[in-house]
Every structure is written in structure tokens, then in C-alpha cells.
């Protein structure tokens, strides 16, 4: 009888110890011995928009697509004006010569085509508001092909822009050094979109509370571009839009402002909507 009691007691102790070990393992989250841990998902498999934007875009474009040093992307007006394919092309290829790198793996970046599509779709689906602009005659992203009138642009700048941008202490955009760093497309985009995060109104309120016309925007850009120093051998540089057209890179309409040999994309106002920028990010 005593032997049976001892056997039962030892058996009970064994099961108690085993149960305690199992409980500790469950509480600590340890995998059972010999079972391999699941592999974390590959970075190439991530297609969640918030994750992709947070890990790749917020440094320039800010949390939630605004209040960053680069162009705000969380802006319905901007997304209503810029063609979706231009947005995708910019993410894929970047802006050569600027802080905006190429993100496509085919061009040395970290993102797959599927991930870039997820970014573009996420930007459009989360921040665009197409219903607000139905029936609205928006200015074109890259111009209509018309030549800007420098003198008209000068008058418009004096009336609508000089109070903020005519003096260096406020933020001059007529300074030659600044104009050498930016493109006509950046200037056009800035006039159309403004910078609500910095207190700059968009084109709808710039003309003394009224909207600027597409031609008036082109005229202001032409005036500012005319202040950019002429570049040597500028006519030898061609645009990089795939059109095969040679940019007429004369003073007043060149798009890069950088010297010969620069890899930057060239921009003729009204001819190419993909000029480069000194800003970090999409224009």
C-alpha cells in the first residue's frame, strides 16, 4: 500500500512539473524545441500603402503626405491637376539631380512595380477628391503649349506675387541663384498648388482674390524664367521625356537651370510636364 502511494506521489509530481513547463513556454511565447520560427515577410511583399509611404516617403513629404520639406502630396488640388501616369513616372524614375531618387528596382531603387502601383493608388484613393473638381476648368499641369508673355508675367508678378516673393527677407523667387536650382515645371506647380502648409494660397486666390488663368500662369513662369542666367551650350541638351524633341533651352524657357552635363530632365514650359526640382519629392 505504501509503495502504491509513493508511485502515485512521484507520478503526480512529474505531471505537475510538466504542466508548469508548458505554462511557462506558452506565457513566454517560445516555440517548442525543434520547430522553426516563421520567416518574416519579405520587404518586396509589402503592398500596404501606409507602410510603404511611412517607410519611403514621409522623410520628404511629411507624415500623412503634408507638412514636410518636399511637395505636399496630400492635396486634392495637386492630385486633380497632375496626371496619374506623371505621378507614377516620377516615383519610378525620381528627379535626376534633386533629392528625389528613383524608387523603381529597375532603376536602382528598392520598390517593385507592384509596390509603386500600390503607392500611386494609395495616394489617389486616400487623398484625391475628384468630386470637388467635377466641371471645374483646371489649369493644365505642364501648360497648353502656348508661349508665355514675359511683360504680362512681370505685371502679374508685381500685382499678385511681389508682396511675398519680391524681397529676400520674405522668400524671393526672383533671385538668380534660386532660379538656377528650379525648373519651369516646379514654378508652375507651385503657382497652381501653392503651399497651404506654409501659408501660400493656390492659383484660385493669387490674382487679388481671383483665379489666375492658364495663360496667366504661363506668363508668370515665363517672366521668372527670363531672370534665370543663360546656360552655356544649353541648346545641346535635350529633354528626357521620350518625345525625342530637342528642348529650346534659351534664356527664359529652359527648364533645369543647371550647367551642361547635368543629368536633370529638361523642361520647356507648355511642352513637358516633368521638369526637375530642387525640392525633395514630386513636383
Protein backbone atom coordinates (compact mmCIF):
# COMPACT_ATOMS: atom_id res chain seq x y z
CA UNK A 1 0.00 0.00 0.00
CA UNK A 2 2.79 2.34 0.92
CA UNK A 3 4.57 1.52 -2.36
CA UNK A 4 1.49 2.40 -4.37
CA UNK A 5 1.19 5.72 -2.55
CA UNK A 6 4.82 6.55 -3.34
CA UNK A 7 4.35 5.73 -7.01
CA UNK A 8 1.23 7.93 -7.18
CA UNK A 9 3.01 10.77 -5.39
CA UNK A 10 6.02 10.70 -7.74
CA UNK A 11 3.73 10.45 -10.77
CA UNK A 12 1.77 13.48 -9.59
CA UNK A 13 4.96 15.48 -9.12
CA UNK A 14 6.06 14.60 -12.66
CA UNK A 15 2.79 15.78 -14.20
CA UNK A 16 2.82 19.00 -12.16
CA UNK A 17 6.32 19.81 -13.35
CA UNK A 18 5.38 19.05 -16.96
CA UNK A 19 2.30 21.25 -16.73
CA UNK A 20 4.35 24.09 -15.23
CA UNK A 21 6.89 23.88 -18.09
CA UNK A 22 4.14 24.02 -20.70
CA UNK A 23 2.58 27.03 -19.00
CA UNK A 24 5.92 28.87 -18.86
CA UNK A 25 6.52 28.13 -22.55
CA UNK A 26 3.10 29.45 -23.50
CA UNK A 27 3.50 32.61 -21.43
CA UNK A 28 6.96 33.37 -22.82
CA UNK A 29 5.92 32.82 -26.42
CA UNK A 30 8.72 30.34 -27.06
CA UNK A 31 8.45 27.92 -29.92
CA UNK A 32 8.52 24.25 -28.99
CA UNK A 33 12.01 22.73 -29.39
CA UNK A 34 12.82 21.75 -32.96
CA UNK A 35 10.01 23.80 -34.58
CA UNK A 36 11.38 26.50 -36.93
CA UNK A 37 10.14 30.06 -36.42
CA UNK A 38 8.09 31.51 -39.29
CA UNK A 39 10.06 33.75 -41.65
CA UNK A 40 9.16 37.46 -41.51
CA UNK A 41 7.53 38.77 -44.70
CA UNK A 42 9.96 39.95 -47.36
CA UNK A 43 10.14 43.71 -47.88
CA UNK A 44 9.26 43.03 -51.52
CA UNK A 45 5.94 41.50 -50.45
CA UNK A 46 4.71 44.59 -48.60
CA UNK A 47 1.97 46.37 -50.53
CA UNK A 48 0.18 48.13 -47.67
CA UNK A 49 0.02 51.82 -48.61
CA UNK A 50 0.51 53.23 -45.12
CA UNK A 51 3.55 51.04 -44.53
CA UNK A 52 5.12 51.87 -47.89
CA UNK A 53 4.52 55.59 -47.53
CA UNK A 54 5.74 55.69 -43.94
CA UNK A 55 8.94 53.82 -44.72
CA UNK A 56 9.81 55.52 -48.00
CA UNK A 57 8.11 58.90 -48.39
CA UNK A 58 7.50 60.68 -45.09
CA UNK A 59 11.06 61.99 -44.82
CA UNK A 60 10.41 64.44 -47.66
CA UNK A 61 6.64 64.62 -47.98
CA UNK A 62 5.74 64.57 -44.30
CA UNK A 63 3.53 62.42 -42.14
CA UNK A 64 0.22 61.82 -43.87
CA UNK A 65 1.63 63.43 -47.02
CA UNK A 66 1.94 67.03 -45.82
CA UNK A 67 3.99 69.39 -43.67
CA UNK A 68 7.27 68.02 -45.00
CA UNK A 69 10.11 69.83 -46.79
CA UNK A 70 9.01 68.49 -50.16
CA UNK A 71 5.90 68.96 -52.26
CA UNK A 72 2.72 68.04 -50.28
CA UNK A 73 1.07 65.00 -51.84
CA UNK A 74 -1.96 65.06 -49.58
CA UNK A 75 -3.51 67.86 -51.60
CA UNK A 76 -6.69 67.25 -53.63
CA UNK A 77 -5.95 70.18 -55.96
CA UNK A 78 -2.50 68.87 -56.80
CA UNK A 79 -3.84 65.38 -57.43
CA UNK A 80 -6.62 66.82 -59.61
CA UNK A 81 -4.04 68.58 -61.80
CA UNK A 82 -1.12 66.13 -62.07
CA UNK A 83 -1.79 63.19 -64.41
CA UNK A 84 -1.66 59.84 -62.65
CA UNK A 85 0.92 58.49 -65.10
CA UNK A 86 3.16 61.52 -64.39
CA UNK A 87 2.94 60.78 -60.67
CA UNK A 88 3.87 57.15 -61.25
CA UNK A 89 6.72 58.05 -63.60
CA UNK A 90 8.15 60.43 -61.02
CA UNK A 91 8.11 57.79 -58.30
CA UNK A 92 9.68 55.25 -60.62
CA UNK A 93 12.42 57.46 -62.06
CA UNK A 94 12.78 60.20 -59.46
CA UNK A 95 14.02 63.65 -60.39
CA UNK A 96 17.64 63.39 -61.54
CA UNK A 97 19.85 65.98 -59.87
CA UNK A 98 17.45 66.51 -56.97
CA UNK A 99 16.72 64.95 -53.60
CA UNK A 100 14.01 62.81 -55.21
CA UNK A 101 15.62 59.45 -56.06
CA UNK A 102 14.37 56.73 -58.36
CA UNK A 103 12.36 54.19 -56.39
CA UNK A 104 11.90 51.51 -59.05
CA UNK A 105 14.08 48.42 -58.69
CA UNK A 106 14.74 48.57 -62.42
CA UNK A 107 16.47 51.90 -61.82
CA UNK A 108 18.35 51.00 -58.66
CA UNK A 109 15.58 51.72 -56.17
CA UNK A 110 14.07 49.39 -53.56
CA UNK A 111 10.47 49.08 -54.78
CA UNK A 112 8.88 46.57 -57.12
CA UNK A 113 6.40 47.61 -59.82
CA UNK A 114 3.60 46.24 -57.65
CA UNK A 115 4.69 48.39 -54.71
CA UNK A 116 4.93 51.55 -56.82
CA UNK A 117 1.44 50.91 -58.14
CA UNK A 118 0.27 50.46 -54.54
CA UNK A 119 1.81 53.83 -53.63
CA UNK A 120 0.22 55.66 -56.56
CA UNK A 121 -3.17 54.04 -55.97
CA UNK A 122 -2.93 54.77 -52.24
CA UNK A 123 -2.13 58.44 -52.82
CA UNK A 124 -5.04 58.78 -55.22
CA UNK A 125 -7.53 56.74 -53.18
CA UNK A 126 -6.73 58.34 -49.83
CA UNK A 127 -6.10 61.98 -50.72
CA UNK A 128 -7.67 62.81 -54.09
CA UNK A 129 -11.18 64.26 -54.09
CA UNK A 130 -12.25 64.20 -57.73
CA UNK A 131 -15.86 65.06 -56.90
CA UNK A 132 -14.73 68.53 -55.76
CA UNK A 133 -13.38 69.33 -59.20
CA UNK A 134 -16.07 67.91 -61.48
CA UNK A 135 -16.95 70.53 -64.06
CA UNK A 136 -14.09 72.79 -62.94
CA UNK A 137 -11.77 74.09 -65.67
CA UNK A 138 -8.42 73.37 -64.04
CA UNK A 139 -5.13 74.69 -65.41
CA UNK A 140 -3.02 72.11 -67.18
CA UNK A 141 -0.17 70.51 -65.29
CA UNK A 142 2.51 71.30 -67.87
CA UNK A 143 0.92 74.14 -69.82
CA UNK A 144 -1.04 74.19 -73.04
CA UNK A 145 1.88 74.73 -75.39
CA UNK A 146 1.36 78.46 -75.63
CA UNK A 147 4.29 80.82 -75.28
CA UNK A 148 4.34 82.92 -72.14
CA UNK A 149 4.39 86.70 -72.39
CA UNK A 150 7.25 87.99 -70.24
CA UNK A 151 5.94 91.54 -69.91
CA UNK A 152 2.44 90.41 -68.92
CA UNK A 153 4.01 87.99 -66.48
CA UNK A 154 6.08 90.78 -64.95
CA UNK A 155 2.96 92.88 -64.35
CA UNK A 156 1.09 89.93 -62.84
CA UNK A 157 4.03 89.14 -60.59
CA UNK A 158 4.13 92.75 -59.37
CA UNK A 159 0.41 92.71 -58.59
CA UNK A 160 -0.03 89.22 -57.19
CA UNK A 161 3.31 87.85 -56.01
CA UNK A 162 5.75 90.63 -55.15
CA UNK A 163 4.37 91.33 -51.70
CA UNK A 164 5.60 87.90 -50.55
CA UNK A 165 8.23 86.87 -53.09
CA UNK A 166 9.83 90.12 -54.21
CA UNK A 167 12.08 90.57 -51.18
CA UNK A 168 14.76 88.15 -49.94
CA UNK A 169 13.70 88.56 -46.31
CA UNK A 170 10.31 87.03 -47.12
CA UNK A 171 11.29 84.47 -49.73
CA UNK A 172 12.46 85.84 -53.05
CA UNK A 173 11.80 83.75 -56.15
CA UNK A 174 13.43 86.28 -58.47
CA UNK A 175 16.92 85.56 -57.21
CA UNK A 176 19.17 84.12 -59.93
CA UNK A 177 20.66 81.51 -57.57
CA UNK A 178 17.20 80.21 -56.73
CA UNK A 179 16.09 80.15 -60.35
CA UNK A 180 19.20 78.15 -61.30
CA UNK A 181 18.08 75.42 -58.91
CA UNK A 182 14.48 75.06 -60.03
CA UNK A 183 12.64 74.25 -63.22
CA UNK A 184 9.79 75.91 -65.04
CA UNK A 185 7.60 72.97 -64.06
CA UNK A 186 8.35 73.48 -60.37
CA UNK A 187 7.45 77.16 -60.68
CA UNK A 188 4.23 76.29 -62.49
CA UNK A 189 3.29 73.63 -59.97
CA UNK A 190 3.97 76.00 -57.07
CA UNK A 191 1.74 78.69 -58.59
CA UNK A 192 -1.08 76.24 -59.24
CA UNK A 193 -0.91 74.33 -55.99
CA UNK A 194 0.50 76.91 -53.62
CA UNK A 195 1.75 75.65 -50.28
CA UNK A 196 -1.18 75.60 -47.88
CA UNK A 197 1.10 74.19 -45.20
CA UNK A 198 3.30 77.31 -45.49
CA UNK A 199 0.51 79.82 -45.92
CA UNK A 200 0.84 80.29 -49.70
CA UNK A 201 -2.54 80.36 -51.50
CA UNK A 202 -3.10 78.43 -54.71
CA UNK A 203 -3.81 79.89 -58.14
CA UNK A 204 -7.51 80.31 -57.33
CA UNK A 205 -6.75 83.20 -54.95
CA UNK A 206 -3.43 84.56 -56.15
CA UNK A 207 -4.87 87.11 -58.59
CA UNK A 208 -6.03 89.57 -55.91
CA UNK A 209 -8.50 87.02 -54.63
CA UNK A 210 -9.44 85.70 -58.08
CA UNK A 211 -8.19 82.75 -60.07
CA UNK A 212 -5.28 83.03 -62.48
CA UNK A 213 -5.99 81.74 -65.96
CA UNK A 214 -3.86 79.04 -67.55
CA UNK A 215 -2.25 81.66 -69.78
CA UNK A 216 -1.55 83.99 -66.85
CA UNK A 217 0.21 81.17 -65.02
CA UNK A 218 2.29 80.57 -68.14
CA UNK A 219 3.10 84.29 -68.36
CA UNK A 220 4.35 84.45 -64.75
CA UNK A 221 6.52 81.38 -65.29
CA UNK A 222 7.93 82.96 -68.47
CA UNK A 223 8.82 86.13 -66.57
CA UNK A 224 10.56 84.25 -63.76
CA UNK A 225 12.39 82.03 -66.24
CA UNK A 226 13.60 85.14 -68.07
CA UNK A 227 15.52 86.11 -64.92
CA UNK A 228 17.43 82.84 -64.91
CA UNK A 229 21.05 83.20 -66.10
CA UNK A 230 21.67 81.82 -69.57
CA UNK A 231 23.50 78.49 -69.62
CA UNK A 232 26.42 77.68 -71.96
CA UNK A 233 25.69 75.04 -74.58
CA UNK A 234 22.09 74.90 -73.41
CA UNK A 235 20.79 74.08 -76.88
CA UNK A 236 22.79 70.86 -76.90
CA UNK A 237 20.73 69.43 -74.09
CA UNK A 238 17.58 67.51 -74.95
CA UNK A 239 14.62 66.65 -72.85
CA UNK A 240 14.29 63.21 -71.31
CA UNK A 241 10.60 62.65 -71.73
CA UNK A 242 10.86 60.13 -74.52
CA UNK A 243 9.39 62.55 -77.05
CA UNK A 244 12.65 62.89 -78.92
CA UNK A 245 12.14 66.63 -79.12
CA UNK A 246 15.05 68.95 -78.53
CA UNK A 247 14.31 71.48 -75.81
CA UNK A 248 14.73 75.10 -76.87
CA UNK A 249 16.83 75.87 -73.85
CA UNK A 250 17.20 79.60 -74.26
CA UNK A 251 17.10 82.18 -71.53
CA UNK A 252 13.53 82.50 -70.37
CA UNK A 253 12.34 78.99 -71.22
CA UNK A 254 14.90 76.47 -70.05
CA UNK A 255 13.68 74.01 -67.52
CA UNK A 256 16.66 72.93 -65.46
CA UNK A 257 18.87 75.89 -64.70
CA UNK A 258 21.88 73.62 -64.24
CA UNK A 259 25.06 73.68 -66.27
CA UNK A 260 25.99 71.46 -69.20
CA UNK A 261 26.29 67.78 -68.50
CA UNK A 262 23.63 67.84 -65.80
CA UNK A 263 21.50 64.67 -65.80
CA UNK A 264 18.42 66.67 -64.97
CA UNK A 265 15.34 66.38 -67.09
CA UNK A 266 14.74 69.38 -69.27
CA UNK A 267 11.52 71.33 -69.28
CA UNK A 268 10.04 73.64 -71.85
CA UNK A 269 7.09 75.43 -70.34
CA UNK A 270 3.99 74.07 -72.01
CA UNK A 271 5.94 71.27 -73.70
CA UNK A 272 6.98 68.87 -70.93
CA UNK A 273 5.27 68.27 -67.65
CA UNK A 274 8.14 66.50 -65.93
CA UNK A 275 10.83 69.04 -65.16
CA UNK A 276 13.14 68.52 -62.21
CA UNK A 277 13.15 70.26 -58.89
CA UNK A 278 15.39 71.31 -56.07
CA UNK A 279 12.73 70.13 -53.68
CA UNK A 280 12.82 66.64 -52.27
CA UNK A 281 9.92 64.97 -53.91
CA UNK A 282 7.29 65.00 -56.58
CA UNK A 283 6.56 68.32 -58.19
